[in-house]
C-alpha atoms as a PDB file:
ATOM      1  CA  UNK A   1      12.289  11.631 -22.312  1.00  0.00           C
ATOM      2  CA  UNK A   2      10.793  12.617 -18.624  1.00  0.00           C
ATOM      3  CA  UNK A   3      13.400  13.409 -15.851  1.00  0.00           C
ATOM      4  CA  UNK A   4      14.001  10.954 -12.927  1.00  0.00           C
ATOM      5  CA  UNK A   5      11.870  13.348 -10.796  1.00  0.00           C
ATOM      6  CA  UNK A   6       8.867  12.947 -12.667  1.00  0.00           C
ATOM      7  CA  UNK A   7       9.292   9.101 -13.044  1.00  0.00           C
ATOM      8  CA  UNK A   8       9.715   8.725  -9.509  1.00  0.00           C
ATOM      9  CA  UNK A   9       6.463  10.632  -8.639  1.00  0.00           C
ATOM     10  CA  UNK A  10       4.435   8.665 -11.249  1.00  0.00           C
ATOM     11  CA  UNK A  11       5.701   5.399  -9.551  1.00  0.00           C
ATOM     12  CA  UNK A  12       4.540   6.674  -6.080  1.00  0.00           C
ATOM     13  CA  UNK A  13       1.355   7.973  -7.653  1.00  0.00           C
ATOM     14  CA  UNK A  14       0.690   4.690  -9.244  1.00  0.00           C
ATOM     15  CA  UNK A  15       1.528   2.922  -5.978  1.00  0.00           C
ATOM     16  CA  UNK A  16      -1.205   4.932  -4.362  1.00  0.00           C
ATOM     17  CA  UNK A  17      -3.534   4.581  -7.024  1.00  0.00           C
ATOM     18  CA  UNK A  18      -3.504   1.048  -6.631  1.00  0.00           C
ATOM     19  CA  UNK A  19      -3.867   0.883  -2.795  1.00  0.00           C
ATOM     20  CA  UNK A  20      -6.788   3.408  -3.205  1.00  0.00           C
ATOM     21  CA  UNK A  21      -8.357   1.143  -6.001  1.00  0.00           C
ATOM     22  CA  UNK A  22      -7.892  -1.996  -3.618  1.00  0.00           C
ATOM     23  CA  UNK A  23      -9.604  -0.071  -0.832  1.00  0.00           C
ATOM     24  CA  UNK A  24     -12.713   1.196  -2.861  1.00  0.00           C
ATOM     25  CA  UNK A  25     -13.003  -2.121  -4.209  1.00  0.00           C
ATOM     26  CA  UNK A  26     -13.230  -3.611  -0.579  1.00  0.00           C
ATOM     27  CA  UNK A  27     -15.726  -0.754   0.253  1.00  0.00           C
ATOM     28  CA  UNK A  28     -17.921  -1.866  -2.946  1.00  0.00           C
ATOM     29  CA  UNK A  29     -17.690  -5.650  -1.712  1.00  0.00           C
ATOM     30  CA  UNK A  30     -18.361  -4.320   1.649  1.00  0.00           C
ATOM     31  CA  UNK A  31     -15.675  -6.470   2.841  1.00  0.00           C
ATOM     32  CA  UNK A  32     -14.871  -7.234   5.720  1.00  0.00           C
ATOM     33  CA  UNK A  33     -17.801  -5.065   6.790  1.00  0.00           C
ATOM     34  CA  UNK A  34     -20.186  -2.461   5.317  1.00  0.00           C
ATOM     35  CA  UNK A  35     -18.308   1.083   5.270  1.00  0.00           C
ATOM     36  CA  UNK A  36     -20.435   3.390   7.270  1.00  0.00           C
ATOM     37  CA  UNK A  37     -23.570   1.805   6.486  1.00  0.00           C
ATOM     38  CA  UNK A  38     -23.135   2.838   2.715  1.00  0.00           C
ATOM     39  CA  UNK A  39     -23.463   0.922  -0.389  1.00  0.00           C
ATOM     40  CA  UNK A  40     -21.297   1.879  -3.810  1.00  0.00           C
ATOM     41  CA  UNK A  41     -21.345   1.303  -7.352  1.00  0.00           C
ATOM     42  CA  UNK A  42     -18.583   0.004  -9.135  1.00  0.00           C
ATOM     43  CA  UNK A  43     -17.211   3.318 -10.328  1.00  0.00           C
ATOM     44  CA  UNK A  44     -16.151   3.793  -6.571  1.00  0.00           C
ATOM     45  CA  UNK A  45     -13.020   2.035  -7.892  1.00  0.00           C
ATOM     46  CA  UNK A  46     -11.446   4.186 -10.366  1.00  0.00           C
ATOM     47  CA  UNK A  47     -12.610   7.280  -8.075  1.00  0.00           C
ATOM     48  CA  UNK A  48     -10.451   5.542  -5.233  1.00  0.00           C
ATOM     49  CA  UNK A  49      -7.764   5.267  -7.513  1.00  0.00           C
ATOM     50  CA  UNK A  50      -7.450   8.730  -8.273  1.00  0.00           C
ATOM     51  CA  UNK A  51      -8.084   9.755  -4.670  1.00  0.00           C
ATOM     52  CA  UNK A  52      -5.112   7.066  -3.647  1.00  0.00           C
ATOM     53  CA  UNK A  53      -2.937   8.504  -6.290  1.00  0.00           C
ATOM     54  CA  UNK A  54      -3.393  12.131  -5.387  1.00  0.00           C
ATOM     55  CA  UNK A  55      -2.655  11.579  -1.939  1.00  0.00           C
ATOM     56  CA  UNK A  56       0.692   9.748  -2.692  1.00  0.00           C
ATOM     57  CA  UNK A  57       1.962  11.137  -5.954  1.00  0.00           C
ATOM     58  CA  UNK A  58       1.125  14.731  -5.778  1.00  0.00           C
ATOM     59  CA  UNK A  59       2.428  14.852  -2.474  1.00  0.00           C
ATOM     60  CA  UNK A  60       5.617  13.335  -3.188  1.00  0.00           C
ATOM     61  CA  UNK A  61       6.237  15.417  -6.416  1.00  0.00           C
ATOM     62  CA  UNK A  62       5.522  18.642  -4.371  1.00  0.00           C
ATOM     63  CA  UNK A  63       8.011  17.402  -1.649  1.00  0.00           C
ATOM     64  CA  UNK A  64      10.689  16.950  -4.573  1.00  0.00           C
ATOM     65  CA  UNK A  65      10.444  20.684  -5.453  1.00  0.00           C
ATOM     66  CA  UNK A  66      11.062  21.822  -2.153  1.00  0.00           C
ATOM     67  CA  UNK A  67      13.489  19.055  -1.199  1.00  0.00           C
ATOM     68  CA  UNK A  68      16.536  21.213  -1.541  1.00  0.00           C
ATOM     69  CA  UNK A  69      15.342  23.904   0.569  1.00  0.00           C
ATOM     70  CA  UNK A  70      15.552  24.831   4.258  1.00  0.00           C
ATOM     71  CA  UNK A  71      13.521  22.572   6.330  1.00  0.00           C
ATOM     72  CA  UNK A  72      11.321  25.467   7.770  1.00  0.00           C
ATOM     73  CA  UNK A  73      10.395  25.728   3.993  1.00  0.00           C
ATOM     74  CA  UNK A  74       9.737  21.982   3.764  1.00  0.00           C
ATOM     75  CA  UNK A  75       7.436  22.363   6.909  1.00  0.00           C
ATOM     76  CA  UNK A  76       5.543  25.513   5.883  1.00  0.00           C
ATOM     77  CA  UNK A  77       4.270  23.995   2.668  1.00  0.00           C
ATOM     78  CA  UNK A  78       2.944  21.083   4.858  1.00  0.00           C
ATOM     79  CA  UNK A  79      -0.321  22.476   5.512  1.00  0.00           C
ATOM     80  CA  UNK A  80      -1.635  24.238   2.223  1.00  0.00           C
ATOM     81  CA  UNK A  81      -0.235  21.080   0.272  1.00  0.00           C
ATOM     82  CA  UNK A  82      -2.434  18.725   2.827  1.00  0.00           C
ATOM     83  CA  UNK A  83      -5.489  21.131   2.323  1.00  0.00           C
ATOM     84  CA  UNK A  84      -5.051  21.107  -1.678  1.00  0.00           C
ATOM     85  CA  UNK A  85      -4.522  17.267  -1.610  1.00  0.00           C
ATOM     86  CA  UNK A  86      -7.456  16.443   0.678  1.00  0.00           C
ATOM     87  CA  UNK A  87      -9.505  19.002  -1.411  1.00  0.00           C
ATOM     88  CA  UNK A  88      -8.701  17.729  -4.757  1.00  0.00           C
ATOM     89  CA  UNK A  89      -8.687  13.867  -4.151  1.00  0.00           C
ATOM     90  CA  UNK A  90     -12.043  13.702  -2.518  1.00  0.00           C
ATOM     91  CA  UNK A  91     -13.849  15.287  -5.669  1.00  0.00           C
ATOM     92  CA  UNK A  92     -14.453  11.908  -7.772  1.00  0.00           C
ATOM     93  CA  UNK A  93     -15.235  10.382  -4.570  1.00  0.00           C
ATOM     94  CA  UNK A  94     -18.125  12.985  -3.784  1.00  0.00           C
ATOM     95  CA  UNK A  95     -19.288  12.583  -7.294  1.00  0.00           C
ATOM     96  CA  UNK A  96     -19.006   8.566  -7.178  1.00  0.00           C
ATOM     97  CA  UNK A  97     -19.932   7.509  -3.605  1.00  0.00           C
ATOM     98  CA  UNK A  98     -22.149  10.035  -2.652  1.00  0.00           C
ATOM     99  CA  UNK A  99     -23.969  11.054  -6.208  1.00  0.00           C
ATOM    100  CA  UNK A 100     -22.840  15.066  -5.879  1.00  0.00           C
ATOM    101  CA  UNK A 101     -23.078  16.797  -9.196  1.00  0.00           C
ATOM    102  CA  UNK A 102     -19.729  17.497 -10.876  1.00  0.00           C
ATOM    103  CA  UNK A 103     -20.217  21.358  -9.829  1.00  0.00           C
ATOM    104  CA  UNK A 104     -21.035  20.473  -6.125  1.00  0.00           C
ATOM    105  CA  UNK A 105     -18.500  17.912  -6.335  1.00  0.00           C
ATOM    106  CA  UNK A 106     -16.056  20.603  -7.728  1.00  0.00           C
ATOM    107  CA  UNK A 107     -16.806  22.925  -4.739  1.00  0.00           C
ATOM    108  CA  UNK A 108     -17.362  20.448  -2.226  1.00  0.00           C
ATOM    109  CA  UNK A 109     -15.884  22.130   0.914  1.00  0.00           C
ATOM    110  CA  UNK A 110     -17.264  25.450   0.441  1.00  0.00           C
ATOM    111  CA  UNK A 111     -20.639  23.917   0.707  1.00  0.00           C
ATOM    112  CA  UNK A 112     -19.997  24.276   4.453  1.00  0.00           C
ATOM    113  CA  UNK A 113     -20.352  27.219   6.934  1.00  0.00           C
ATOM    114  CA  UNK A 114     -17.077  28.999   7.972  1.00  0.00           C
ATOM    115  CA  UNK A 115     -14.825  27.926   9.324  1.00  0.00           C
ATOM    116  CA  UNK A 116     -15.510  24.337   8.253  1.00  0.00           C
ATOM    117  CA  UNK A 117     -14.083  25.099   4.525  1.00  0.00           C
ATOM    118  CA  UNK A 118     -10.611  24.977   6.213  1.00  0.00           C
ATOM    119  CA  UNK A 119     -10.703  22.068   8.035  1.00  0.00           C
ATOM    120  CA  UNK A 120     -12.741  19.624   6.031  1.00  0.00           C
ATOM    121  CA  UNK A 121     -10.299  19.000   3.489  1.00  0.00           C
ATOM    122  CA  UNK A 122      -7.982  17.684   6.227  1.00  0.00           C
ATOM    123  CA  UNK A 123     -10.315  15.903   7.957  1.00  0.00           C
ATOM    124  CA  UNK A 124     -11.204  14.110   4.642  1.00  0.00           C
ATOM    125  CA  UNK A 125      -7.977  12.485   4.196  1.00  0.00           C
ATOM    126  CA  UNK A 126      -5.879  15.622   3.993  1.00  0.00           C
ATOM    127  CA  UNK A 127      -4.202  14.620   7.439  1.00  0.00           C
ATOM    128  CA  UNK A 128      -2.958  11.385   5.324  1.00  0.00           C
ATOM    129  CA  UNK A 129      -1.026  13.820   2.976  1.00  0.00           C
ATOM    130  CA  UNK A 130       0.158  15.981   5.798  1.00  0.00           C
ATOM    131  CA  UNK A 131       1.724  12.998   7.511  1.00  0.00           C
ATOM    132  CA  UNK A 132       2.854  11.439   4.334  1.00  0.00           C
ATOM    133  CA  UNK A 133       4.834  14.859   3.657  1.00  0.00           C
ATOM    134  CA  UNK A 134       6.208  15.302   7.315  1.00  0.00           C
ATOM    135  CA  UNK A 135       7.398  11.387   6.668  1.00  0.00           C
ATOM    136  CA  UNK A 136       9.098  12.153   3.146  1.00  0.00           C
ATOM    137  CA  UNK A 137      11.090  14.982   5.182  1.00  0.00           C
ATOM    138  CA  UNK A 138      12.595  12.413   7.276  1.00  0.00           C
ATOM    139  CA  UNK A 139      12.918   9.544   4.733  1.00  0.00           C
ATOM    140  CA  UNK A 140      14.792  11.522   2.328  1.00  0.00           C
ATOM    141  CA  UNK A 141      17.245  12.683   5.146  1.00  0.00           C
ATOM    142  CA  UNK A 142      17.842   9.234   6.570  1.00  0.00           C
ATOM    143  CA  UNK A 143      17.868   7.748   3.099  1.00  0.00           C
ATOM    144  CA  UNK A 144      15.632   4.930   4.456  1.00  0.00           C
ATOM    145  CA  UNK A 145      14.976   1.513   3.068  1.00  0.00           C
ATOM    146  CA  UNK A 146      12.155  -0.152   2.147  1.00  0.00           C
ATOM    147  CA  UNK A 147      10.728  -1.291   5.736  1.00  0.00           C
ATOM    148  CA  UNK A 148      11.102   2.140   7.185  1.00  0.00           C
ATOM    149  CA  UNK A 149       9.277   3.864   4.301  1.00  0.00           C
ATOM    150  CA  UNK A 150       6.654   1.187   4.374  1.00  0.00           C
ATOM    151  CA  UNK A 151       6.298   1.639   8.251  1.00  0.00           C
ATOM    152  CA  UNK A 152       6.103   5.457   7.883  1.00  0.00           C
ATOM    153  CA  UNK A 153       3.668   5.529   5.074  1.00  0.00           C
ATOM    154  CA  UNK A 154       1.593   2.902   6.687  1.00  0.00           C
ATOM    155  CA  UNK A 155       1.470   5.328   9.823  1.00  0.00           C
ATOM    156  CA  UNK A 156       0.613   8.310   7.539  1.00  0.00           C
ATOM    157  CA  UNK A 157      -2.202   6.253   6.226  1.00  0.00           C
ATOM    158  CA  UNK A 158      -3.660   4.875   9.201  1.00  0.00           C
ATOM    159  CA  UNK A 159      -3.388   7.955  11.515  1.00  0.00           C
ATOM    160  CA  UNK A 160      -4.541  10.400   8.975  1.00  0.00           C
ATOM    161  CA  UNK A 161      -7.756   8.577   8.251  1.00  0.00           C
ATOM    162  CA  UNK A 162      -8.483   7.767  11.711  1.00  0.00           C
ATOM    163  CA  UNK A 163     -10.716  10.990  12.159  1.00  0.00           C
ATOM    164  CA  UNK A 164     -12.813   9.696   9.316  1.00  0.00           C
ATOM    165  CA  UNK A 165     -13.328   6.283   9.998  1.00  0.00           C
ATOM    166  CA  UNK A 166     -14.189   7.218  13.715  1.00  0.00           C
ATOM    167  CA  UNK A 167     -16.673   9.513  12.331  1.00  0.00           C
ATOM    168  CA  UNK A 168     -18.466   6.724  10.152  1.00  0.00           C
ATOM    169  CA  UNK A 169     -18.300   4.481  13.105  1.00  0.00           C
ATOM    170  CA  UNK A 170     -15.877   1.944  11.949  1.00  0.00           C
ATOM    171  CA  UNK A 171     -12.746   2.962  13.257  1.00  0.00           C
ATOM    172  CA  UNK A 172     -11.208  -0.460  13.101  1.00  0.00           C
ATOM    173  CA  UNK A 173     -10.985   0.079   9.264  1.00  0.00           C
ATOM    174  CA  UNK A 174      -8.478   2.542   9.654  1.00  0.00           C
ATOM    175  CA  UNK A 175      -5.468   0.369  10.277  1.00  0.00           C
ATOM    176  CA  UNK A 176      -6.825  -1.966   7.459  1.00  0.00           C
ATOM    177  CA  UNK A 177      -7.217   0.495   4.864  1.00  0.00           C
ATOM    178  CA  UNK A 178      -4.168   2.410   6.048  1.00  0.00           C
ATOM    179  CA  UNK A 179      -1.921  -0.190   5.578  1.00  0.00           C
ATOM    180  CA  UNK A 180      -3.205  -1.304   2.189  1.00  0.00           C
ATOM    181  CA  UNK A 181      -2.460   2.233   1.116  1.00  0.00           C
ATOM    182  CA  UNK A 182       0.647   2.598   2.709  1.00  0.00           C
ATOM    183  CA  UNK A 183       2.853  -0.477   2.009  1.00  0.00           C
ATOM    184  CA  UNK A 184       2.582  -0.018  -1.780  1.00  0.00           C
ATOM    185  CA  UNK A 185       3.203   3.862  -1.642  1.00  0.00           C
ATOM    186  CA  UNK A 186       6.028   3.082   0.995  1.00  0.00           C
ATOM    187  CA  UNK A 187       7.610   0.437  -1.240  1.00  0.00           C
ATOM    188  CA  UNK A 188       7.558   2.831  -4.292  1.00  0.00           C
ATOM    189  CA  UNK A 189       8.775   5.635  -2.138  1.00  0.00           C
ATOM    190  CA  UNK A 190      11.907   3.512  -1.206  1.00  0.00           C
ATOM    191  CA  UNK A 191      12.441   2.664  -4.607  1.00  0.00           C
ATOM    192  CA  UNK A 192      11.939   6.374  -6.021  1.00  0.00           C
ATOM    193  CA  UNK A 193      14.327   7.781  -3.317  1.00  0.00           C
ATOM    194  CA  UNK A 194      17.071   5.340  -4.009  1.00  0.00           C
ATOM    195  CA  UNK A 195      16.855   5.860  -7.720  1.00  0.00           C
ATOM    196  CA  UNK A 196      16.648   9.691  -7.214  1.00  0.00           C
ATOM    197  CA  UNK A 197      19.913   9.333  -5.093  1.00  0.00           C
ATOM    198  CA  UNK A 198      21.777   7.165  -7.591  1.00  0.00           C
ATOM    199  CA  UNK A 199      20.989   9.594 -10.357  1.00  0.00           C
ATOM    200  CA  UNK A 200      22.204  13.142  -8.206  1.00  0.00           C
ATOM    201  CA  UNK A 201      25.179  10.987  -7.283  1.00  0.00           C
END
């Protein structure tokens, strides 16, 4: 039987995957507008699900690993975690949306000149992971409810993806897609934190 922490992580990951899949479906349908003047095939939807699931589930699970540590430890892992989440979550999108061969997709940030590999995973939605992790530090300490969790995770999705959407000249899709990902992740986060609090009491 899986532990409460594992179940909570899978729940949050599933919520992130649902939001990511819906966002990818909207990009596939080119609704409300075409994203970055790009057209996508249907398989961008499972790629988007993986993308959204990693940004939520992996960050939540990693946060649980350091939840009992001192604040400076929780903050110290924020940037490496964000870089790794941005790197891994972009791999299937690079393959699906931009037709990169698997070997290229698996090494995508390292195709760029130094110091771009340091920053690219952050610009490619790693900032979403960074803000979500920092939000979790606050949300866990306050034992926040669904509304506050949804607000914080939506803000993470919106602000963390803003640079990306500005670069694609469709900045107004940032709040749209950020909220679609953030609300289910926030509600799942609130439920998971409540369950974990009950299990530990």
